[in-house]
Amino acid sequence: MGKEFTYKMSKQILERAGKPLRTREEAILLLLYTIRMFDASIFIPEERNEKVIISIDKMNRIFYLIENKIFSMQFPFCIEHNSEQDSIVIYHSVTGTVISPMVLSFLIEAFEKMNRIEVDFDTIFEIIMEPEVKSEEFTSRIMWQLISYLLKYDLGYLRFDVDPEQENGKIHPLNHLDICLDNAASYKIGLEREIEFEDMKNILDITTECWYLT
């Protein structure tokens, strides 16, 4: 993969990332809160080992590195790095909308509501029409486009676990990959050894040689 951005993980993100993700809404909320964390990451203690890494090339991928676990999802937005200010700009490729603090707050509020109640069109319509943040640049149409995109884009969820508590021979190997987010669609692949971040990144990088199941 090409560019990489590494951030120290805040306590809030560590708590969210450490819990099993059960729904798309929970996964999207983790991503949105992570984006909010980026500006504050410089204030997080250096000794913290947990990290968030975004790798960009053929695919945009975000990785969460915590004890005994590495998991990754497709990062839903584009990133440009401002080398002069050593900062990044995150934006939606279709609308060109910059994911500013205002836009981020709207999306977090919307997905928090959707995570608490059953989602239907009326619910989403009410969420879009309710906020007072609409402006010439951030219209109801753009709100709908962002929510719609996040609700249907492919998360590409993949998690590596070292799980001594649930280890059960070949039924639940100590080292394994969990693939897909939804329990009804998820499956695991046992591994003979623990893998590191570079291994995980390599598995997902379509520009490198493939890994093989044996």
Protein backbone atom coordinates (compact mmCIF):
# COMPACT_ATOMS: atom_id res chain seq x y z
CA MET A 1 0.00 0.00 0.00
CA GLY A 2 1.08 3.59 -0.60
CA LYS A 3 0.60 6.29 2.04
CA GLU A 4 0.13 5.47 5.70
CA PHE A 5 -1.16 7.61 8.55
CA THR A 6 -0.66 6.34 12.10
CA TYR A 7 -2.48 7.64 15.18
CA LYS A 8 -2.36 6.78 18.85
CA MET A 9 -5.69 5.34 19.97
CA SER A 10 -7.73 7.31 22.48
CA LYS A 11 -9.34 5.64 25.49
CA GLN A 12 -12.80 6.15 23.94
CA ILE A 13 -11.80 4.47 20.68
CA LEU A 14 -10.04 1.66 22.55
CA GLU A 15 -13.23 0.94 24.49
CA ARG A 16 -15.30 0.90 21.30
CA ALA A 17 -12.77 -1.13 19.30
CA GLY A 18 -12.37 -3.64 22.12
CA LYS A 19 -16.04 -4.62 22.02
CA PRO A 20 -17.45 -6.95 19.34
CA LEU A 21 -19.02 -5.03 16.45
CA ARG A 22 -22.47 -6.50 15.83
CA THR A 23 -24.05 -4.13 13.32
CA ARG A 24 -23.13 -1.86 10.44
CA GLU A 25 -24.25 1.13 12.52
CA GLU A 26 -21.78 0.22 15.29
CA ALA A 27 -18.97 -0.15 12.75
CA ILE A 28 -19.77 3.19 11.08
CA LEU A 29 -19.92 4.92 14.47
CA LEU A 30 -16.48 3.54 15.32
CA LEU A 31 -15.14 4.95 12.04
CA LEU A 32 -16.76 8.36 12.62
CA TYR A 33 -15.56 8.66 16.21
CA THR A 34 -12.09 7.61 15.01
CA ILE A 35 -12.05 10.47 12.49
CA ARG A 36 -13.00 12.84 15.31
CA MET A 37 -10.05 11.45 17.30
CA PHE A 38 -7.45 12.31 14.65
CA ASP A 39 -6.98 15.97 15.66
CA ALA A 40 -6.77 15.02 19.33
CA SER A 41 -4.33 12.16 18.78
CA ILE A 42 -1.30 14.37 19.48
CA PHE A 43 -2.51 14.74 23.07
CA ILE A 44 -2.74 10.99 23.74
CA PRO A 45 0.13 9.60 25.88
CA GLU A 46 3.06 8.33 23.84
CA GLU A 47 3.28 5.10 25.87
CA ARG A 48 -0.10 3.93 24.59
CA ASN A 49 0.54 0.93 22.31
CA GLU A 50 -2.88 0.74 20.70
CA LYS A 51 -2.91 2.35 17.26
CA VAL A 52 -5.11 3.27 14.33
CA ILE A 53 -3.45 3.07 10.93
CA ILE A 54 -4.89 4.17 7.59
CA SER A 55 -3.23 2.72 4.49
CA ILE A 56 -4.04 4.16 1.08
CA ASP A 57 -3.25 2.84 -2.37
CA LYS A 58 -5.41 0.57 -4.54
CA MET A 59 -7.69 0.25 -1.51
CA ASN A 60 -8.38 2.60 1.38
CA ARG A 61 -8.05 0.59 4.59
CA ILE A 62 -8.25 1.48 8.26
CA PHE A 63 -6.63 -0.86 10.81
CA TYR A 64 -7.23 -1.07 14.55
CA LEU A 65 -4.33 -2.58 16.50
CA ILE A 66 -5.09 -3.62 20.07
CA GLU A 67 -3.92 -6.44 22.33
CA ASN A 68 -4.54 -9.87 20.77
CA LYS A 69 -6.55 -8.34 17.94
CA ILE A 70 -6.11 -6.57 14.61
CA PHE A 71 -9.12 -5.71 12.52
CA SER A 72 -9.67 -3.73 9.37
CA MET A 73 -12.43 -2.10 7.35
CA GLN A 74 -12.53 -0.17 4.13
CA PHE A 75 -12.09 3.53 4.90
CA PRO A 76 -15.14 5.20 3.31
CA PHE A 77 -13.64 8.58 2.44
CA CYS A 78 -10.69 10.02 0.54
CA ILE A 79 -7.70 11.59 2.27
CA GLU A 80 -5.31 14.29 1.11
CA HIS A 81 -2.22 15.18 3.11
CA ASN A 82 -1.16 18.82 3.47
CA SER A 83 2.60 18.47 3.90
CA GLU A 84 3.09 22.17 4.71
CA GLN A 85 0.72 22.07 7.68
CA ASP A 86 1.24 18.35 8.33
CA SER A 87 -2.53 17.86 8.38
CA ILE A 88 -5.06 15.82 6.43
CA VAL A 89 -8.29 16.67 4.65
CA ILE A 90 -10.96 13.96 4.58
CA TYR A 91 -13.71 14.22 1.96
CA HIS A 92 -16.44 12.27 0.18
CA SER A 93 -15.33 11.52 -3.37
CA VAL A 94 -18.81 11.75 -5.00
CA THR A 95 -20.04 15.04 -3.54
CA GLY A 96 -16.64 16.53 -2.72
CA THR A 97 -17.96 17.29 0.77
CA VAL A 98 -15.19 17.81 3.31
CA ILE A 99 -15.83 15.81 6.50
CA SER A 100 -15.58 18.88 8.70
CA PRO A 101 -16.39 18.87 12.45
CA MET A 102 -19.93 20.05 11.60
CA VAL A 103 -20.50 17.29 9.03
CA LEU A 104 -18.94 14.74 11.37
CA SER A 105 -21.21 15.77 14.24
CA PHE A 106 -24.27 15.43 12.01
CA LEU A 107 -23.23 11.94 10.85
CA ILE A 108 -22.46 10.77 14.39
CA GLU A 109 -25.81 12.04 15.67
CA ALA A 110 -27.61 10.36 12.76
CA PHE A 111 -25.95 6.98 13.22
CA GLU A 112 -26.33 7.12 17.01
CA LYS A 113 -30.08 7.45 16.46
CA MET A 114 -30.11 4.67 13.88
CA ASN A 115 -28.16 2.45 16.24
CA ARG A 116 -30.81 2.90 18.94
CA ILE A 117 -33.97 2.45 16.87
CA GLU A 118 -35.14 0.34 13.96
CA VAL A 119 -34.06 1.98 10.73
CA ASP A 120 -36.63 2.79 8.05
CA PHE A 121 -36.99 5.52 5.46
CA ASP A 122 -39.14 7.70 7.73
CA THR A 123 -36.47 7.60 10.43
CA ILE A 124 -33.74 8.63 8.02
CA PHE A 125 -35.96 11.37 6.55
CA GLU A 126 -36.60 12.80 10.02
CA ILE A 127 -32.87 12.74 10.81
CA ILE A 128 -32.04 14.65 7.62
CA MET A 129 -34.78 17.26 8.08
CA GLU A 130 -34.23 17.81 11.81
CA PRO A 131 -30.74 19.36 12.18
CA GLU A 132 -30.11 23.08 11.93
CA VAL A 133 -26.71 22.61 10.31
CA LYS A 134 -27.98 22.79 6.73
CA SER A 135 -26.34 25.48 4.62
CA GLU A 136 -25.65 26.24 0.98
CA GLU A 137 -22.65 23.90 1.15
CA PHE A 138 -24.25 21.20 3.32
CA THR A 139 -27.76 20.63 2.00
CA SER A 140 -30.35 17.95 2.73
CA ARG A 141 -29.41 16.33 -0.57
CA ILE A 142 -25.77 15.99 0.51
CA MET A 143 -26.85 14.69 3.92
CA TRP A 144 -28.88 11.98 2.22
CA GLN A 145 -26.01 11.10 -0.12
CA LEU A 146 -23.58 10.69 2.80
CA ILE A 147 -25.97 8.63 4.92
CA SER A 148 -27.02 6.49 1.96
CA TYR A 149 -23.40 5.85 1.00
CA LEU A 150 -22.38 4.83 4.52
CA LEU A 151 -25.39 2.55 4.85
CA LYS A 152 -24.56 0.54 1.75
CA TYR A 153 -20.83 0.71 1.00
CA ASP A 154 -18.86 -2.54 1.43
CA LEU A 155 -17.20 -2.56 4.85
CA GLY A 156 -14.78 -5.32 3.85
CA TYR A 157 -14.49 -6.35 7.50
CA LEU A 158 -11.63 -8.68 8.48
CA ARG A 159 -10.38 -9.42 12.00
CA PHE A 160 -7.44 -11.41 13.35
CA ASP A 161 -7.83 -12.74 16.88
CA VAL A 162 -5.63 -14.47 19.43
CA ASP A 163 -8.39 -15.90 21.64
CA PRO A 164 -7.18 -18.13 24.50
CA GLU A 165 -10.49 -17.82 26.39
CA GLN A 166 -12.56 -19.35 23.58
CA GLU A 167 -9.90 -21.70 22.21
CA ASN A 168 -11.40 -25.10 21.38
CA GLY A 169 -9.11 -27.14 19.13
CA LYS A 170 -10.05 -26.89 15.47
CA ILE A 171 -13.56 -25.68 16.30
CA HIS A 172 -12.22 -22.36 17.58
CA PRO A 173 -8.44 -22.12 16.98
CA LEU A 174 -6.28 -19.90 19.16
CA ASN A 175 -5.19 -17.87 16.11
CA HIS A 176 -7.86 -17.22 13.49
CA LEU A 177 -9.34 -14.77 11.01
CA ASP A 178 -12.98 -13.70 11.32
CA ILE A 179 -14.46 -12.63 8.00
CA CYS A 180 -17.63 -10.52 7.54
CA LEU A 181 -19.36 -8.48 10.23
CA ASP A 182 -22.86 -9.96 10.38
CA ASN A 183 -23.01 -13.10 12.54
CA ALA A 184 -25.23 -14.77 9.94
CA ALA A 185 -22.58 -14.27 7.26
CA SER A 186 -19.38 -14.49 9.32
CA TYR A 187 -16.93 -17.38 9.13
CA LYS A 188 -13.45 -18.03 10.48
CA ILE A 189 -10.21 -19.42 9.11
CA GLY A 190 -7.78 -21.01 11.54
CA LEU A 191 -4.12 -20.02 11.44
CA GLU A 192 -1.13 -22.02 12.63
CA ARG A 193 0.61 -18.94 14.06
CA GLU A 194 0.00 -15.41 15.20
CA ILE A 195 0.25 -12.79 12.48
CA GLU A 196 1.48 -9.20 12.78
CA PHE A 197 0.16 -5.96 11.30
CA GLU A 198 2.42 -6.25 8.25
CA ASP A 199 1.00 -9.73 7.56
CA MET A 200 -2.57 -8.45 7.85
CA LYS A 201 -1.82 -5.53 5.56
CA ASN A 202 -0.17 -7.88 3.08
CA ILE A 203 -3.23 -10.15 2.98
CA LEU A 204 -5.40 -7.17 2.04
CA ASP A 205 -2.99 -5.51 -0.39
CA ILE A 206 -3.93 -6.51 -3.94
CA THR A 207 -0.58 -5.19 -5.23
CA THR A 208 1.41 -7.86 -3.35
CA GLU A 209 1.61 -11.62 -3.81
CA CYS A 210 -1.38 -13.64 -2.57
CA TRP A 211 -1.48 -15.66 0.61
CA TYR A 212 -2.52 -19.32 0.20
CA LEU A 213 -4.73 -21.63 2.26
CA THR A 214 -3.03 -24.99 2.79
